[in-house]
Amino acid sequence: MTLPKFILGDNTDLPTAIFVIHTQFPRFIINLENDEIEWLEEFDNHDQKLLETETETLISEATAFYDREIARYQDD
C-alpha cells in the first residue's frame, strides 16, 4: 500500500483538535489546535540535526496540506 505524505485525522474524544499525520521520515502527528507534535520515531544525534533544520518546513507543509484539503471540501 502506498500512503500519501499527509493524512487528516480527528477524534470525538478531542472534538476541537485536528490532526495531520506525516507518514514519511520523520513520522509525526501534529495537533493543529495547539501545534503540539508527537514524533513517531526515535532519533540519534544525526537525526536530531535533521530535525532542527527540517521541523519548521514540515510544520509549514502540514499546515498547507490542511488548508488545501479544507479548501477542497468547501469547493464541493
PDB file of N, CA and C in Angstrom:
ATOM      1  N   MET A   1       0.845  -1.172   0.000  1.00  0.00           N
ATOM      2  CA  MET A   1       0.000   0.000   0.000  1.00  0.00           C
ATOM      3  C   MET A   1       0.895   1.241   0.000  1.00  0.00           C
ATOM      4  N   THR A   2       0.537   2.189  -0.820  1.00  0.00           N
ATOM      5  CA  THR A   2       1.240   3.463  -0.854  1.00  0.00           C
ATOM      6  C   THR A   2       0.421   4.486  -0.076  1.00  0.00           C
ATOM      7  N   LEU A   3       1.043   5.063   0.932  1.00  0.00           N
ATOM      8  CA  LEU A   3       0.360   6.081   1.735  1.00  0.00           C
ATOM      9  C   LEU A   3       0.693   7.471   1.223  1.00  0.00           C
ATOM     10  N   PRO A   4      -0.265   8.389   1.310  1.00  0.00           N
ATOM     11  CA  PRO A   4       0.065   9.775   0.988  1.00  0.00           C
ATOM     12  C   PRO A   4       0.997  10.344   2.056  1.00  0.00           C
ATOM     13  N   LYS A   5       1.680  11.408   1.713  1.00  0.00           N
ATOM     14  CA  LYS A   5       2.634  12.027   2.647  1.00  0.00           C
ATOM     15  C   LYS A   5       1.936  12.530   3.901  1.00  0.00           C
ATOM     16  N   PHE A   6       0.720  13.075   3.763  1.00  0.00           N
ATOM     17  CA  PHE A   6      -0.046  13.593   4.882  1.00  0.00           C
ATOM     18  C   PHE A   6      -1.436  12.978   4.896  1.00  0.00           C
ATOM     19  N   ILE A   7      -1.962  12.776   6.099  1.00  0.00           N
ATOM     20  CA  ILE A   7      -3.320  12.277   6.293  1.00  0.00           C
ATOM     21  C   ILE A   7      -3.986  13.132   7.364  1.00  0.00           C
ATOM     22  N   LEU A   8      -5.252  13.512   7.155  1.00  0.00           N
ATOM     23  CA  LEU A   8      -6.018  14.236   8.175  1.00  0.00           C
ATOM     24  C   LEU A   8      -6.632  13.247   9.147  1.00  0.00           C
ATOM     25  N   GLY A   9      -6.715  13.645  10.413  1.00  0.00           N
ATOM     26  CA  GLY A   9      -7.350  12.796  11.406  1.00  0.00           C
ATOM     27  C   GLY A   9      -8.096  13.625  12.430  1.00  0.00           C
ATOM     28  N   ASP A  10      -9.129  13.031  13.003  1.00  0.00           N
ATOM     29  CA  ASP A  10      -9.844  13.659  14.106  1.00  0.00           C
ATOM     30  C   ASP A  10     -10.299  12.572  15.058  1.00  0.00           C
ATOM     31  N   ASN A  11     -10.827  12.998  16.192  1.00  0.00           N
ATOM     32  CA  ASN A  11     -11.260  12.046  17.200  1.00  0.00           C
ATOM     33  C   ASN A  11     -12.335  12.722  18.039  1.00  0.00           C
ATOM     34  N   THR A  12     -13.448  12.033  18.266  1.00  0.00           N
ATOM     35  CA  THR A  12     -14.551  12.633  19.017  1.00  0.00           C
ATOM     36  C   THR A  12     -14.203  12.869  20.483  1.00  0.00           C
ATOM     37  N   ASP A  13     -13.182  12.203  20.991  1.00  0.00           N
ATOM     38  CA  ASP A  13     -12.745  12.469  22.373  1.00  0.00           C
ATOM     39  C   ASP A  13     -12.057  13.821  22.497  1.00  0.00           C
ATOM     40  N   LEU A  14     -11.569  14.347  21.378  1.00  0.00           N
ATOM     41  CA  LEU A  14     -10.926  15.665  21.332  1.00  0.00           C
ATOM     42  C   LEU A  14     -11.592  16.458  20.213  1.00  0.00           C
ATOM     43  N   PRO A  15     -12.808  16.936  20.441  1.00  0.00           N
ATOM     44  CA  PRO A  15     -13.625  17.486  19.351  1.00  0.00           C
ATOM     45  C   PRO A  15     -13.066  18.741  18.686  1.00  0.00           C
ATOM     46  N   THR A  16     -12.193  19.492  19.351  1.00  0.00           N
ATOM     47  CA  THR A  16     -11.661  20.705  18.728  1.00  0.00           C
ATOM     48  C   THR A  16     -10.302  20.477  18.080  1.00  0.00           C
ATOM     49  N   ALA A  17      -9.724  19.311  18.286  1.00  0.00           N
ATOM     50  CA  ALA A  17      -8.404  19.006  17.735  1.00  0.00           C
ATOM     51  C   ALA A  17      -8.530  18.525  16.291  1.00  0.00           C
ATOM     52  N   ILE A  18      -7.582  18.958  15.482  1.00  0.00           N
ATOM     53  CA  ILE A  18      -7.454  18.468  14.112  1.00  0.00           C
ATOM     54  C   ILE A  18      -6.013  17.997  13.968  1.00  0.00           C
ATOM     55  N   PHE A  19      -5.850  16.749  13.546  1.00  0.00           N
ATOM     56  CA  PHE A  19      -4.533  16.150  13.460  1.00  0.00           C
ATOM     57  C   PHE A  19      -4.122  15.997  12.001  1.00  0.00           C
ATOM     58  N   VAL A  20      -2.845  16.253  11.745  1.00  0.00           N
ATOM     59  CA  VAL A  20      -2.249  15.930  10.462  1.00  0.00           C
ATOM     60  C   VAL A  20      -1.153  14.916  10.761  1.00  0.00           C
ATOM     61  N   ILE A  21      -1.225  13.783  10.070  1.00  0.00           N
ATOM     62  CA  ILE A  21      -0.254  12.717  10.260  1.00  0.00           C
ATOM     63  C   ILE A  21       0.716  12.747   9.087  1.00  0.00           C
ATOM     64  N   HIS A  22       2.003  12.841   9.397  1.00  0.00           N
ATOM     65  CA  HIS A  22       3.058  12.806   8.379  1.00  0.00           C
ATOM     66  C   HIS A  22       3.574  11.373   8.332  1.00  0.00           C
ATOM     67  N   THR A  23       3.470  10.724   7.177  1.00  0.00           N
ATOM     68  CA  THR A  23       3.733   9.286   7.080  1.00  0.00           C
ATOM     69  C   THR A  23       5.148   8.934   6.638  1.00  0.00           C
ATOM     70  N   GLN A  24       5.952   9.934   6.287  1.00  0.00           N
ATOM     71  CA  GLN A  24       7.322   9.685   5.844  1.00  0.00           C
ATOM     72  C   GLN A  24       8.295  10.114   6.937  1.00  0.00           C
ATOM     73  N   PHE A  25       9.548   9.657   6.819  1.00  0.00           N
ATOM     74  CA  PHE A  25      10.530  10.019   7.842  1.00  0.00           C
ATOM     75  C   PHE A  25      10.776  11.515   7.815  1.00  0.00           C
ATOM     76  N   PRO A  26      10.770  12.134   8.925  1.00  0.00           N
ATOM     77  CA  PRO A  26      10.444  11.647  10.259  1.00  0.00           C
ATOM     78  C   PRO A  26       8.934  11.671  10.485  1.00  0.00           C
ATOM     79  N   ARG A  27       8.382  10.521  10.813  1.00  0.00           N
ATOM     80  CA  ARG A  27       6.933  10.406  11.002  1.00  0.00           C
ATOM     81  C   ARG A  27       6.502  11.146  12.270  1.00  0.00           C
ATOM     82  N   PHE A  28       5.372  11.840  12.167  1.00  0.00           N
ATOM     83  CA  PHE A  28       4.852  12.572  13.325  1.00  0.00           C
ATOM     84  C   PHE A  28       3.374  12.833  13.148  1.00  0.00           C
ATOM     85  N   ILE A  29       2.754  13.229  14.242  1.00  0.00           N
ATOM     86  CA  ILE A  29       1.375  13.705  14.250  1.00  0.00           C
ATOM     87  C   ILE A  29       1.417  15.098  14.857  1.00  0.00           C
ATOM     88  N   ILE A  30       0.801  16.059  14.186  1.00  0.00           N
ATOM     89  CA  ILE A  30       0.708  17.410  14.721  1.00  0.00           C
ATOM     90  C   ILE A  30      -0.755  17.722  14.990  1.00  0.00           C
ATOM     91  N   ASN A  31      -1.001  18.276  16.153  1.00  0.00           N
ATOM     92  CA  ASN A  31      -2.329  18.749  16.515  1.00  0.00           C
ATOM     93  C   ASN A  31      -2.371  20.229  16.125  1.00  0.00           C
ATOM     94  N   LEU A  32      -3.123  20.553  15.092  1.00  0.00           N
ATOM     95  CA  LEU A  32      -3.153  21.934  14.612  1.00  0.00           C
ATOM     96  C   LEU A  32      -3.858  22.891  15.565  1.00  0.00           C
ATOM     97  N   GLU A  33      -4.584  22.353  16.527  1.00  0.00           N
ATOM     98  CA  GLU A  33      -5.238  23.204  17.522  1.00  0.00           C
ATOM     99  C   GLU A  33      -4.199  23.931  18.371  1.00  0.00           C
ATOM    100  N   ASN A  34      -3.104  23.232  18.716  1.00  0.00           N
ATOM    101  CA  ASN A  34      -2.109  23.830  19.610  1.00  0.00           C
ATOM    102  C   ASN A  34      -0.672  23.638  19.116  1.00  0.00           C
ATOM    103  N   ASP A  35      -0.503  23.112  17.902  1.00  0.00           N
ATOM    104  CA  ASP A  35       0.801  22.861  17.281  1.00  0.00           C
ATOM    105  C   ASP A  35       1.673  21.868  18.052  1.00  0.00           C
ATOM    106  N   GLU A  36       1.063  21.052  18.892  1.00  0.00           N
ATOM    107  CA  GLU A  36       1.808  20.023  19.604  1.00  0.00           C
ATOM    108  C   GLU A  36       2.154  18.897  18.628  1.00  0.00           C
ATOM    109  N   ILE A  37       3.399  18.434  18.705  1.00  0.00           N
ATOM    110  CA  ILE A  37       3.878  17.380  17.809  1.00  0.00           C
ATOM    111  C   ILE A  37       4.219  16.140  18.619  1.00  0.00           C
ATOM    112  N   GLU A  38       3.768  15.012  18.108  1.00  0.00           N
ATOM    113  CA  GLU A  38       4.143  13.713  18.672  1.00  0.00           C
ATOM    114  C   GLU A  38       4.977  13.000  17.605  1.00  0.00           C
ATOM    115  N   TRP A  39       6.261  12.799  17.899  1.00  0.00           N
ATOM    116  CA  TRP A  39       7.149  12.123  16.962  1.00  0.00           C
ATOM    117  C   TRP A  39       6.927  10.625  17.066  1.00  0.00           C
ATOM    118  N   LEU A  40       6.889   9.941  15.946  1.00  0.00           N
ATOM    119  CA  LEU A  40       6.677   8.505  15.895  1.00  0.00           C
ATOM    120  C   LEU A  40       7.981   7.771  15.570  1.00  0.00           C
ATOM    121  N   GLU A  41       9.081   8.417  15.790  1.00  0.00           N
ATOM    122  CA  GLU A  41      10.414   7.888  15.522  1.00  0.00           C
ATOM    123  C   GLU A  41      11.281   8.054  16.764  1.00  0.00           C
ATOM    124  N   GLU A  42      12.331   7.261  16.817  1.00  0.00           N
ATOM    125  CA  GLU A  42      13.399   7.504  17.787  1.00  0.00           C
ATOM    126  C   GLU A  42      14.568   8.061  16.994  1.00  0.00           C
ATOM    127  N   PHE A  43      15.230   9.051  17.550  1.00  0.00           N
ATOM    128  CA  PHE A  43      16.258   9.772  16.805  1.00  0.00           C
ATOM    129  C   PHE A  43      17.631   9.591  17.422  1.00  0.00           C
ATOM    130  N   ASP A  44      18.638   9.513  16.542  1.00  0.00           N
ATOM    131  CA  ASP A  44      20.017   9.534  17.014  1.00  0.00           C
ATOM    132  C   ASP A  44      20.557  10.954  16.813  1.00  0.00           C
ATOM    133  N   ASN A  45      21.829  11.171  17.092  1.00  0.00           N
ATOM    134  CA  ASN A  45      22.397  12.523  17.003  1.00  0.00           C
ATOM    135  C   ASN A  45      22.318  13.086  15.590  1.00  0.00           C
ATOM    136  N   HIS A  46      22.560  12.256  14.596  1.00  0.00           N
ATOM    137  CA  HIS A  46      22.474  12.718  13.208  1.00  0.00           C
ATOM    138  C   HIS A  46      21.038  13.149  12.882  1.00  0.00           C
ATOM    139  N   ASP A  47      20.067  12.350  13.290  1.00  0.00           N
ATOM    140  CA  ASP A  47      18.664  12.679  13.049  1.00  0.00           C
ATOM    141  C   ASP A  47      18.263  13.965  13.762  1.00  0.00           C
ATOM    142  N   GLN A  48      18.802  14.190  14.937  1.00  0.00           N
ATOM    143  CA  GLN A  48      18.470  15.385  15.712  1.00  0.00           C
ATOM    144  C   GLN A  48      18.820  16.645  14.931  1.00  0.00           C
ATOM    145  N   LYS A  49      19.966  16.626  14.263  1.00  0.00           N
ATOM    146  CA  LYS A  49      20.369  17.780  13.452  1.00  0.00           C
ATOM    147  C   LYS A  49      19.397  17.989  12.290  1.00  0.00           C
ATOM    148  N   LEU A  50      18.964  16.892  11.680  1.00  0.00           N
ATOM    149  CA  LEU A  50      17.974  16.981  10.606  1.00  0.00           C
ATOM    150  C   LEU A  50      16.676  17.598  11.121  1.00  0.00           C
ATOM    151  N   LEU A  51      16.245  17.155  12.292  1.00  0.00           N
ATOM    152  CA  LEU A  51      15.007  17.686  12.872  1.00  0.00           C
ATOM    153  C   LEU A  51      15.091  19.185  13.102  1.00  0.00           C
ATOM    154  N   GLU A  52      16.228  19.628  13.606  1.00  0.00           N
ATOM    155  CA  GLU A  52      16.381  21.051  13.900  1.00  0.00           C
ATOM    156  C   GLU A  52      16.253  21.889  12.639  1.00  0.00           C
ATOM    157  N   THR A  53      16.716  21.374  11.515  1.00  0.00           N
ATOM    158  CA  THR A  53      16.654  22.146  10.274  1.00  0.00           C
ATOM    159  C   THR A  53      15.350  21.940   9.509  1.00  0.00           C
ATOM    160  N   GLU A  54      14.701  20.809   9.693  1.00  0.00           N
ATOM    161  CA  GLU A  54      13.528  20.468   8.900  1.00  0.00           C
ATOM    162  C   GLU A  54      12.190  20.676   9.594  1.00  0.00           C
ATOM    163  N   THR A  55      12.162  20.798  10.913  1.00  0.00           N
ATOM    164  CA  THR A  55      10.894  20.848  11.641  1.00  0.00           C
ATOM    165  C   THR A  55      10.005  21.991  11.167  1.00  0.00           C
ATOM    166  N   GLU A  56      10.561  23.164  11.028  1.00  0.00           N
ATOM    167  CA  GLU A  56       9.746  24.310  10.604  1.00  0.00           C
ATOM    168  C   GLU A  56       9.146  24.068   9.222  1.00  0.00           C
ATOM    169  N   THR A  57       9.924  23.508   8.322  1.00  0.00           N
ATOM    170  CA  THR A  57       9.434  23.206   6.977  1.00  0.00           C
ATOM    171  C   THR A  57       8.317  22.173   7.021  1.00  0.00           C
ATOM    172  N   LEU A  58       8.512  21.127   7.825  1.00  0.00           N
ATOM    173  CA  LEU A  58       7.498  20.075   7.925  1.00  0.00           C
ATOM    174  C   LEU A  58       6.195  20.606   8.501  1.00  0.00           C
ATOM    175  N   ILE A  59       6.271  21.474   9.491  1.00  0.00           N
ATOM    176  CA  ILE A  59       5.062  22.063  10.070  1.00  0.00           C
ATOM    177  C   ILE A  59       4.358  22.939   9.032  1.00  0.00           C
ATOM    178  N   SER A  60       5.121  23.703   8.287  1.00  0.00           N
ATOM    179  CA  SER A  60       4.531  24.534   7.230  1.00  0.00           C
ATOM    180  C   SER A  60       3.856  23.677   6.175  1.00  0.00           C
ATOM    181  N   GLU A  61       4.497  22.569   5.790  1.00  0.00           N
ATOM    182  CA  GLU A  61       3.905  21.669   4.806  1.00  0.00           C
ATOM    183  C   GLU A  61       2.617  21.033   5.339  1.00  0.00           C
ATOM    184  N   ALA A  62       2.619  20.640   6.604  1.00  0.00           N
ATOM    185  CA  ALA A  62       1.428  20.037   7.211  1.00  0.00           C
ATOM    186  C   ALA A  62       0.276  21.036   7.242  1.00  0.00           C
ATOM    187  N   THR A  63       0.572  22.268   7.601  1.00  0.00           N
ATOM    188  CA  THR A  63      -0.454  23.306   7.652  1.00  0.00           C
ATOM    189  C   THR A  63      -0.983  23.614   6.253  1.00  0.00           C
ATOM    190  N   ALA A  64      -0.089  23.687   5.271  1.00  0.00           N
ATOM    191  CA  ALA A  64      -0.511  23.935   3.893  1.00  0.00           C
ATOM    192  C   ALA A  64      -1.383  22.790   3.381  1.00  0.00           C
ATOM    193  N   PHE A  65      -1.031  21.556   3.740  1.00  0.00           N
ATOM    194  CA  PHE A  65      -1.847  20.400   3.362  1.00  0.00           C
ATOM    195  C   PHE A  65      -3.250  20.545   3.948  1.00  0.00           C
ATOM    196  N   TYR A  66      -3.335  20.881   5.218  1.00  0.00           N
ATOM    197  CA  TYR A  66      -4.641  21.051   5.865  1.00  0.00           C
ATOM    198  C   TYR A  66      -5.457  22.141   5.151  1.00  0.00           C
ATOM    199  N   ASP A  67      -4.841  23.283   4.909  1.00  0.00           N
ATOM    200  CA  ASP A  67      -5.534  24.388   4.248  1.00  0.00           C
ATOM    201  C   ASP A  67      -6.044  23.961   2.864  1.00  0.00           C
ATOM    202  N   ARG A  68      -5.220  23.226   2.134  1.00  0.00           N
ATOM    203  CA  ARG A  68      -5.615  22.744   0.807  1.00  0.00           C
ATOM    204  C   ARG A  68      -6.797  21.789   0.899  1.00  0.00           C
ATOM    205  N   GLU A  69      -6.757  20.872   1.835  1.00  0.00           N
ATOM    206  CA  GLU A  69      -7.836  19.906   1.995  1.00  0.00           C
ATOM    207  C   GLU A  69      -9.144  20.593   2.381  1.00  0.00           C
ATOM    208  N   ILE A  70      -9.077  21.532   3.296  1.00  0.00           N
ATOM    209  CA  ILE A  70     -10.280  22.257   3.720  1.00  0.00           C
ATOM    210  C   ILE A  70     -10.851  23.047   2.560  1.00  0.00           C
ATOM    211  N   ALA A  71      -9.995  23.684   1.763  1.00  0.00           N
ATOM    212  CA  ALA A  71     -10.469  24.427   0.595  1.00  0.00           C
ATOM    213  C   ALA A  71     -11.177  23.499  -0.389  1.00  0.00           C
ATOM    214  N   ARG A  72     -10.670  22.283  -0.538  1.00  0.00           N
ATOM    215  CA  ARG A  72     -11.311  21.326  -1.446  1.00  0.00           C
ATOM    216  C   ARG A  72     -12.686  20.899  -0.931  1.00  0.00           C
ATOM    217  N   TYR A  73     -12.811  20.721   0.387  1.00  0.00           N
ATOM    218  CA  TYR A  73     -14.119  20.383   0.968  1.00  0.00           C
ATOM    219  C   TYR A  73     -15.114  21.532   0.750  1.00  0.00           C
ATOM    220  N   GLN A  74     -14.647  22.751   0.904  1.00  0.00           N
ATOM    221  CA  GLN A  74     -15.524  23.913   0.771  1.00  0.00           C
ATOM    222  C   GLN A  74     -15.951  24.141  -0.671  1.00  0.00           C
ATOM    223  N   ASP A  75     -15.128  23.701  -1.623  1.00  0.00           N
ATOM    224  CA  ASP A  75     -15.456  23.862  -3.039  1.00  0.00           C
ATOM    225  C   ASP A  75     -16.518  22.874  -3.501  1.00  0.00           C
ATOM    226  N   ASP A  76     -16.671  21.776  -2.775  1.00  0.00           N
ATOM    227  CA  ASP A  76     -17.655  20.746  -3.182  1.00  0.00           C
ATOM    228  C   ASP A  76     -19.067  21.131  -2.852  1.00  0.00           C
TER     229      ASP A  76
END
